[in-house]
Amino acid sequence: MPESWRALALAPPRAFGAPLGVARTRETPEDFVVEEELGFAPAGDGPHLLVKVRKRNANTEWVARELARAAGCRPGEVGFAGLKDRHALATQWFSVPRSPGAQARLAELRGAQFEVLEWHAHSRKLPRGALLGNRFLIRLRGLAAADEAIAARMEAIARAGVPNYFGPQRFGRDGANLDRIHAGLRALSPRERGFVLSAARSLVFNAVLTERVRDGTWQHIEPGDVANLDGRGSIFAVEEVDETLRARCERLEIHPTGPLWGRGELTSSGRVRELEQRIAGTLESASELVVEAGMEQERRPLRLAVRDLSFQREQADLLVGFALRRGSFATAVIREIADADAVEE
């Protein structure tokens, strides 16, 4: 794998300059607290149970298997919206089929690694991606930065957002998924295929975003962009930029997007389209791999709005809290503050 690929994937440029210092995290699971926000209420009736679980140093899929055992169902019948980090204190939702005795058995699930907090009748299995977002509370230990510098950096992040990079976890341990891109589709085993395709697509996106960070346009709408409505899948092409669009962009209501590479025509135009085509051409193995796999062109916001951002000092540590929409990585926020290991699952 070219060293430049590794840099694009694992160490893309920061938007606000050098990190404020080096910090430690993950010394205990309580250093990284994440809570899922579903964005909808349980139905109150139906053939499934929505189950809220708090887990500590536990893998999401392992918890799903334990819930299946308690509910008397197959592991594949357990639903969850997304993976949550193992090395964390995480609260997330699962669904299990509703059956006689299931609620009583679920109520008994309390241990060192996870516990069931509540459950509600619901109309259907919880599908992947069915959540509004996540709330984080992250402890950065030993961050030796002046309070004024921290406050200024937080204000900049709250005002402008951060580049919406795919985090290093998307590329496997030490970027291992990147090494398999050159192998070609036929050489990939069924188990690794999805991981490698995801890494290839994420690499192209991060590379496009890198160019937009370097030229200062990652947080601005320009002619030829495809804009995204914050927190929604809606997109629209931008032919001209007027004051209304500029104001909406400054308020973090809309964001420029970059390509999730695949078959079909780019929906961007002008300079933006040329940049995206050029980058995909320089990453030919990655872009051709996803096309060969039949994946279609999609768009992803280049910018991530960081909601409810808060911070406080606790002696030598900094506690940072914020909320992100689904599909976003907390690493994108933390890396703009400190050089720290904050990798999610």
Protein backbone atom coordinates (compact mmCIF):
# COMPACT_ATOMS: atom_id res chain seq x y z
CA MET A 1 0.00 0.00 0.00
CA PRO A 2 1.45 3.42 -0.90
CA GLU A 3 2.40 5.45 2.16
CA SER A 4 0.30 8.34 0.81
CA TRP A 5 -2.79 6.12 1.00
CA ARG A 6 -2.09 5.38 4.65
CA ALA A 7 -1.76 9.09 5.41
CA LEU A 8 -5.04 9.94 3.65
CA ALA A 9 -6.84 7.22 5.56
CA LEU A 10 -5.29 7.45 9.00
CA ALA A 11 -3.86 10.97 9.31
CA PRO A 12 -5.65 13.47 7.04
CA PRO A 13 -5.03 17.20 7.65
CA ARG A 14 -6.74 18.98 10.52
CA ALA A 15 -8.94 21.99 9.88
CA PHE A 16 -7.96 24.16 12.85
CA GLY A 17 -4.21 23.71 12.99
CA ALA A 18 -2.11 21.56 15.28
CA PRO A 19 -3.79 19.73 18.18
CA LEU A 20 -3.64 21.56 21.49
CA GLY A 21 -1.54 18.82 23.02
CA VAL A 22 -1.26 15.10 23.68
CA ALA A 23 -3.90 13.43 25.81
CA ARG A 24 -4.58 9.94 27.09
CA THR A 25 -7.93 8.26 27.01
CA ARG A 26 -9.35 4.76 27.28
CA GLU A 27 -7.54 4.18 30.56
CA THR A 28 -10.93 3.03 31.84
CA PRO A 29 -14.18 2.39 29.93
CA GLU A 30 -15.63 5.43 31.71
CA ASP A 31 -13.19 7.62 29.77
CA PHE A 32 -15.35 7.06 26.68
CA VAL A 33 -19.08 7.22 27.32
CA VAL A 34 -21.51 6.97 24.41
CA GLU A 35 -25.31 6.87 24.44
CA GLU A 36 -27.48 6.07 21.47
CA GLU A 37 -30.38 8.36 20.56
CA LEU A 38 -33.05 6.50 18.62
CA GLY A 39 -35.03 9.56 17.59
CA PHE A 40 -38.36 7.73 17.97
CA ALA A 41 -40.47 6.29 20.80
CA PRO A 42 -41.26 2.58 21.23
CA ALA A 43 -44.59 1.65 19.67
CA GLY A 44 -45.95 0.29 22.97
CA ASP A 45 -47.29 -2.87 21.32
CA GLY A 46 -46.17 -5.43 18.78
CA PRO A 47 -44.26 -8.72 18.34
CA HIS A 48 -40.87 -7.36 19.43
CA LEU A 49 -39.25 -5.85 22.50
CA LEU A 50 -36.98 -2.80 22.34
CA VAL A 51 -34.31 -3.39 24.96
CA LYS A 52 -32.03 -0.67 26.35
CA VAL A 53 -28.66 -2.02 27.47
CA ARG A 54 -25.65 -0.49 29.18
CA LYS A 55 -22.44 -2.36 28.40
CA ARG A 56 -18.92 -2.00 29.73
CA ASN A 57 -15.94 -3.57 27.98
CA ALA A 58 -18.32 -5.69 25.92
CA ASN A 59 -18.69 -6.26 22.20
CA THR A 60 -22.06 -5.39 20.65
CA GLU A 61 -22.42 -8.72 18.84
CA TRP A 62 -21.55 -10.66 22.00
CA VAL A 63 -24.29 -8.77 23.87
CA ALA A 64 -26.71 -9.59 21.04
CA ARG A 65 -25.94 -13.29 21.44
CA GLU A 66 -26.54 -13.09 25.20
CA LEU A 67 -29.87 -11.36 24.60
CA ALA A 68 -30.81 -14.05 22.09
CA ARG A 69 -30.08 -16.72 24.67
CA ALA A 70 -32.26 -14.98 27.26
CA ALA A 71 -35.09 -14.32 24.80
CA GLY A 72 -34.99 -17.88 23.43
CA CYS A 73 -34.40 -16.80 19.83
CA ARG A 74 -31.71 -17.12 17.17
CA PRO A 75 -28.91 -14.50 17.22
CA GLY A 76 -29.98 -13.33 13.75
CA GLU A 77 -33.39 -12.38 15.17
CA VAL A 78 -31.80 -9.80 17.48
CA GLY A 79 -31.71 -6.30 16.00
CA PHE A 80 -29.44 -3.37 16.78
CA ALA A 81 -28.93 -0.03 15.07
CA GLY A 82 -25.15 -0.05 15.02
CA LEU A 83 -21.94 -1.27 16.62
CA LYS A 84 -20.75 0.48 19.74
CA ASP A 85 -17.18 0.45 20.94
CA ARG A 86 -16.06 -2.39 23.15
CA HIS A 87 -13.62 -0.31 25.19
CA ALA A 88 -16.25 2.11 26.44
CA LEU A 89 -19.26 2.58 28.66
CA ALA A 90 -21.98 2.43 26.03
CA THR A 91 -25.76 2.57 26.18
CA GLN A 92 -27.56 1.21 23.14
CA TRP A 93 -30.82 -0.32 21.99
CA PHE A 94 -31.51 -3.85 20.80
CA SER A 95 -34.68 -5.64 19.75
CA VAL A 96 -35.68 -9.25 20.42
CA PRO A 97 -38.80 -11.19 19.48
CA ARG A 98 -41.49 -10.91 22.14
CA SER A 99 -42.24 -14.29 23.71
CA PRO A 100 -43.63 -15.71 26.98
CA GLY A 101 -41.09 -15.32 29.76
CA ALA A 102 -38.69 -13.20 27.70
CA GLN A 103 -39.22 -10.06 29.78
CA ALA A 104 -38.61 -11.87 33.05
CA ARG A 105 -35.40 -13.43 31.73
CA LEU A 106 -34.18 -10.10 30.35
CA ALA A 107 -34.77 -8.44 33.72
CA GLU A 108 -32.29 -10.86 35.27
CA LEU A 109 -29.47 -9.89 32.91
CA ARG A 110 -27.15 -7.91 35.13
CA GLY A 111 -23.43 -8.43 35.28
CA ALA A 112 -20.02 -6.80 35.10
CA GLN A 113 -20.12 -6.50 31.31
CA PHE A 114 -23.68 -5.43 30.63
CA GLU A 115 -27.11 -4.92 32.14
CA VAL A 116 -30.61 -4.47 30.79
CA LEU A 117 -31.96 -1.07 31.82
CA GLU A 118 -35.48 -1.12 30.33
CA TRP A 119 -37.62 -2.74 27.65
CA HIS A 120 -40.75 -1.80 25.70
CA ALA A 121 -43.07 -3.55 23.26
CA HIS A 122 -42.41 -2.55 19.69
CA SER A 123 -43.82 -3.20 16.24
CA ARG A 124 -40.73 -4.46 14.39
CA LYS A 125 -37.13 -5.60 14.56
CA LEU A 126 -34.66 -2.75 15.00
CA PRO A 127 -32.82 -2.35 11.67
CA ARG A 128 -29.24 -1.18 11.17
CA GLY A 129 -28.93 2.60 11.01
CA ALA A 130 -32.26 3.22 12.76
CA LEU A 131 -31.03 5.90 15.13
CA LEU A 132 -30.85 9.66 15.24
CA GLY A 133 -27.30 9.84 16.52
CA ASN A 134 -25.06 9.42 19.55
CA ARG A 135 -24.08 11.48 22.57
CA PHE A 136 -20.50 11.31 23.78
CA LEU A 137 -18.68 12.22 26.97
CA ILE A 138 -14.94 11.73 26.53
CA ARG A 139 -12.19 12.26 29.10
CA LEU A 140 -8.90 13.55 27.74
CA ARG A 141 -6.32 12.86 30.43
CA GLY A 142 -3.30 15.07 30.95
CA LEU A 143 -4.06 17.63 28.24
CA ALA A 144 -1.53 20.39 28.96
CA ALA A 145 -3.20 23.29 27.17
CA ALA A 146 -4.15 26.75 28.38
CA ASP A 147 -7.81 27.30 29.20
CA GLU A 148 -7.94 30.19 26.71
CA ALA A 149 -6.67 27.99 23.89
CA ILE A 150 -9.18 25.26 24.73
CA ALA A 151 -12.06 27.73 24.84
CA ALA A 152 -11.05 29.24 21.48
CA ARG A 153 -10.80 25.82 19.82
CA MET A 154 -14.18 24.75 21.18
CA GLU A 155 -15.79 27.94 19.95
CA ALA A 156 -14.36 27.37 16.47
CA ILE A 157 -15.64 23.79 16.38
CA ALA A 158 -19.11 24.75 17.60
CA ARG A 159 -19.32 27.54 15.02
CA ALA A 160 -17.91 25.79 11.95
CA GLY A 161 -18.19 22.06 12.61
CA VAL A 162 -15.35 19.67 11.76
CA PRO A 163 -14.31 17.78 8.62
CA ASN A 164 -16.46 14.66 8.39
CA TYR A 165 -13.61 12.21 7.89
CA PHE A 166 -14.10 8.49 8.14
CA GLY A 167 -12.24 7.44 11.27
CA PRO A 168 -9.21 5.11 11.27
CA GLN A 169 -11.38 2.22 12.49
CA ARG A 170 -13.00 2.16 9.03
CA PHE A 171 -9.65 1.01 7.61
CA GLY A 172 -8.97 -1.85 10.01
CA ARG A 173 -6.26 -2.32 12.57
CA ASP A 174 -3.20 -0.33 11.42
CA GLY A 175 -4.91 0.19 8.06
CA ALA A 176 -4.99 -3.55 7.27
CA ASN A 177 -8.10 -3.26 5.07
CA LEU A 178 -6.22 -0.88 2.77
CA ASP A 179 -3.61 -3.53 2.01
CA ARG A 180 -6.26 -5.73 0.40
CA ILE A 181 -7.63 -3.14 -2.05
CA HIS A 182 -4.99 -3.96 -4.67
CA ALA A 183 -5.84 -7.67 -4.50
CA GLY A 184 -8.96 -7.20 -6.61
CA LEU A 185 -12.53 -8.28 -6.01
CA ARG A 186 -12.10 -11.96 -6.88
CA ALA A 187 -9.28 -12.39 -4.39
CA LEU A 188 -11.40 -11.16 -1.46
CA SER A 189 -13.02 -13.74 0.77
CA PRO A 190 -16.73 -13.27 1.56
CA ARG A 191 -15.83 -12.33 5.12
CA GLU A 192 -13.40 -9.55 4.17
CA ARG A 193 -15.18 -8.25 1.08
CA GLY A 194 -17.46 -5.78 2.86
CA PHE A 195 -14.63 -4.39 5.00
CA VAL A 196 -12.32 -3.84 2.04
CA LEU A 197 -15.02 -2.23 -0.13
CA SER A 198 -15.90 0.08 2.74
CA ALA A 199 -12.23 1.00 3.17
CA ALA A 200 -11.86 1.70 -0.55
CA ARG A 201 -14.87 3.99 -0.65
CA SER A 202 -13.85 5.75 2.55
CA LEU A 203 -10.34 6.31 1.21
CA VAL A 204 -11.64 8.14 -1.87
CA PHE A 205 -13.96 10.25 0.27
CA ASN A 206 -11.21 11.17 2.76
CA ALA A 207 -8.91 12.10 -0.13
CA VAL A 208 -11.52 14.45 -1.63
CA LEU A 209 -12.17 15.99 1.78
CA THR A 210 -8.42 16.42 2.29
CA GLU A 211 -8.26 18.60 -0.83
CA ARG A 212 -11.25 20.65 0.33
CA VAL A 213 -9.64 21.15 3.76
CA ARG A 214 -6.38 22.24 2.15
CA ASP A 215 -8.10 24.78 -0.10
CA GLY A 216 -10.40 25.99 2.69
CA THR A 217 -13.71 25.05 1.02
CA TRP A 218 -14.76 22.11 3.21
CA GLN A 219 -17.13 24.33 5.19
CA HIS A 220 -18.44 26.45 2.29
CA ILE A 221 -20.91 25.84 -0.50
CA GLU A 222 -19.60 26.71 -3.96
CA PRO A 223 -21.03 26.45 -7.50
CA GLY A 224 -20.98 22.84 -8.63
CA ASP A 225 -21.39 21.43 -5.13
CA VAL A 226 -24.07 18.99 -4.15
CA ALA A 227 -25.48 20.25 -0.84
CA ASN A 228 -26.89 18.16 1.99
CA LEU A 229 -29.58 19.19 4.48
CA ASP A 230 -28.12 18.71 7.95
CA GLY A 231 -29.20 15.47 9.60
CA ARG A 232 -31.15 14.28 6.57
CA GLY A 233 -30.46 12.33 3.41
CA SER A 234 -31.79 15.10 1.17
CA ILE A 235 -29.35 16.60 -1.33
CA PHE A 236 -29.59 19.18 -4.08
CA ALA A 237 -27.28 20.50 -6.79
CA VAL A 238 -25.94 24.04 -6.39
CA GLU A 239 -25.60 26.04 -9.60
CA GLU A 240 -25.15 29.46 -8.02
CA VAL A 241 -24.42 30.54 -4.46
CA ASP A 242 -26.51 33.43 -3.19
CA GLU A 243 -26.66 35.09 0.22
CA THR A 244 -29.44 32.77 1.37
CA LEU A 245 -27.34 29.67 0.73
CA ARG A 246 -24.29 31.25 2.34
CA ALA A 247 -26.30 32.14 5.45
CA ARG A 248 -27.77 28.64 5.70
CA CYS A 249 -24.31 27.15 5.38
CA GLU A 250 -22.95 29.41 8.13
CA ARG A 251 -25.82 28.29 10.39
CA LEU A 252 -24.83 24.64 9.74
CA GLU A 253 -28.19 23.97 8.09
CA ILE A 254 -26.60 22.72 4.86
CA HIS A 255 -23.21 21.26 4.02
CA PRO A 256 -21.16 20.54 0.88
CA THR A 257 -20.83 16.85 0.09
CA GLY A 258 -18.22 14.52 -1.32
CA PRO A 259 -18.57 11.27 -3.27
CA LEU A 260 -19.05 7.80 -1.91
CA TRP A 261 -17.62 6.31 -5.06
CA GLY A 262 -19.46 3.86 -7.27
CA ARG A 263 -21.07 3.30 -10.65
CA GLY A 264 -22.84 6.11 -12.49
CA GLU A 265 -22.30 9.79 -13.07
CA LEU A 266 -21.19 12.27 -10.44
CA THR A 267 -23.93 14.73 -9.53
CA SER A 268 -21.41 17.50 -8.88
CA SER A 269 -20.29 19.85 -11.66
CA GLY A 270 -17.61 22.37 -12.60
CA ARG A 271 -14.50 22.63 -10.45
CA VAL A 272 -15.96 20.34 -7.80
CA ARG A 273 -16.59 17.56 -10.29
CA GLU A 274 -13.12 17.93 -11.79
CA LEU A 275 -11.53 17.69 -8.36
CA GLU A 276 -13.52 14.56 -7.48
CA GLN A 277 -12.72 12.85 -10.79
CA ARG A 278 -9.03 13.70 -10.44
CA ILE A 279 -8.83 12.28 -6.93
CA ALA A 280 -10.66 9.09 -7.90
CA GLY A 281 -8.23 8.74 -10.81
CA THR A 282 -5.21 8.92 -8.53
CA LEU A 283 -6.79 6.19 -6.36
CA GLU A 284 -7.63 3.98 -9.32
CA SER A 285 -7.50 0.63 -7.51
CA ALA A 286 -9.93 1.85 -4.84
CA SER A 287 -12.39 3.54 -7.18
CA GLU A 288 -12.42 0.68 -9.71
CA LEU A 289 -12.93 -1.91 -6.96
CA VAL A 290 -16.22 -0.40 -5.77
CA VAL A 291 -17.43 0.05 -9.35
CA GLU A 292 -16.65 -3.60 -10.09
CA ALA A 293 -18.62 -4.58 -6.98
CA GLY A 294 -21.67 -2.77 -8.36
CA MET A 295 -21.89 -0.04 -5.73
CA GLU A 296 -23.68 3.12 -6.87
CA GLN A 297 -22.54 6.74 -6.54
CA GLU A 298 -23.77 8.32 -3.31
CA ARG A 299 -22.96 11.50 -1.38
CA ARG A 300 -21.78 12.18 2.17
CA PRO A 301 -21.48 15.57 3.91
CA LEU A 302 -17.96 16.97 3.97
CA ARG A 303 -18.73 18.76 7.22
CA LEU A 304 -19.97 17.47 10.55
CA ALA A 305 -22.02 19.73 12.81
CA VAL A 306 -21.06 19.22 16.46
CA ARG A 307 -24.14 19.80 18.62
CA ASP A 308 -24.39 20.55 22.35
CA LEU A 309 -20.62 20.92 22.66
CA SER A 310 -19.48 21.34 26.27
CA PHE A 311 -16.21 21.04 28.15
CA GLN A 312 -14.90 21.30 31.67
CA ARG A 313 -11.62 20.91 33.47
CA GLU A 314 -11.17 18.26 36.14
CA GLN A 315 -7.68 18.90 37.44
CA ALA A 316 -5.32 17.79 34.63
CA ASP A 317 -8.12 16.27 32.55
CA LEU A 318 -10.58 17.73 30.07
CA LEU A 319 -14.12 16.35 29.82
CA VAL A 320 -15.67 16.95 26.39
CA GLY A 321 -19.34 16.32 25.65
CA PHE A 322 -21.12 16.54 22.29
CA ALA A 323 -23.82 15.00 20.09
CA LEU A 324 -23.33 13.72 16.54
CA ARG A 325 -25.69 12.48 13.86
CA ARG A 326 -25.55 8.80 12.91
CA GLY A 327 -22.73 7.68 10.65
CA SER A 328 -20.30 10.18 12.18
CA PHE A 329 -17.10 9.48 14.06
CA ALA A 330 -16.18 10.98 17.41
CA THR A 331 -12.54 10.80 16.30
CA ALA A 332 -13.31 13.58 13.80
CA VAL A 333 -14.04 15.89 16.75
CA ILE A 334 -11.38 14.74 19.20
CA ARG A 335 -8.52 14.96 16.67
CA GLU A 336 -9.28 18.69 16.22
CA ILE A 337 -8.68 19.15 19.97
CA ALA A 338 -5.94 16.76 21.00
CA ASP A 339 -3.66 14.03 19.75
CA ALA A 340 -5.39 11.15 21.47
CA ASP A 341 -6.42 7.57 20.89
CA ALA A 342 -10.21 7.73 20.64
CA VAL A 343 -11.10 5.06 18.13
CA GLU A 344 -14.65 3.70 18.03
CA GLU A 345 -15.71 0.29 16.87
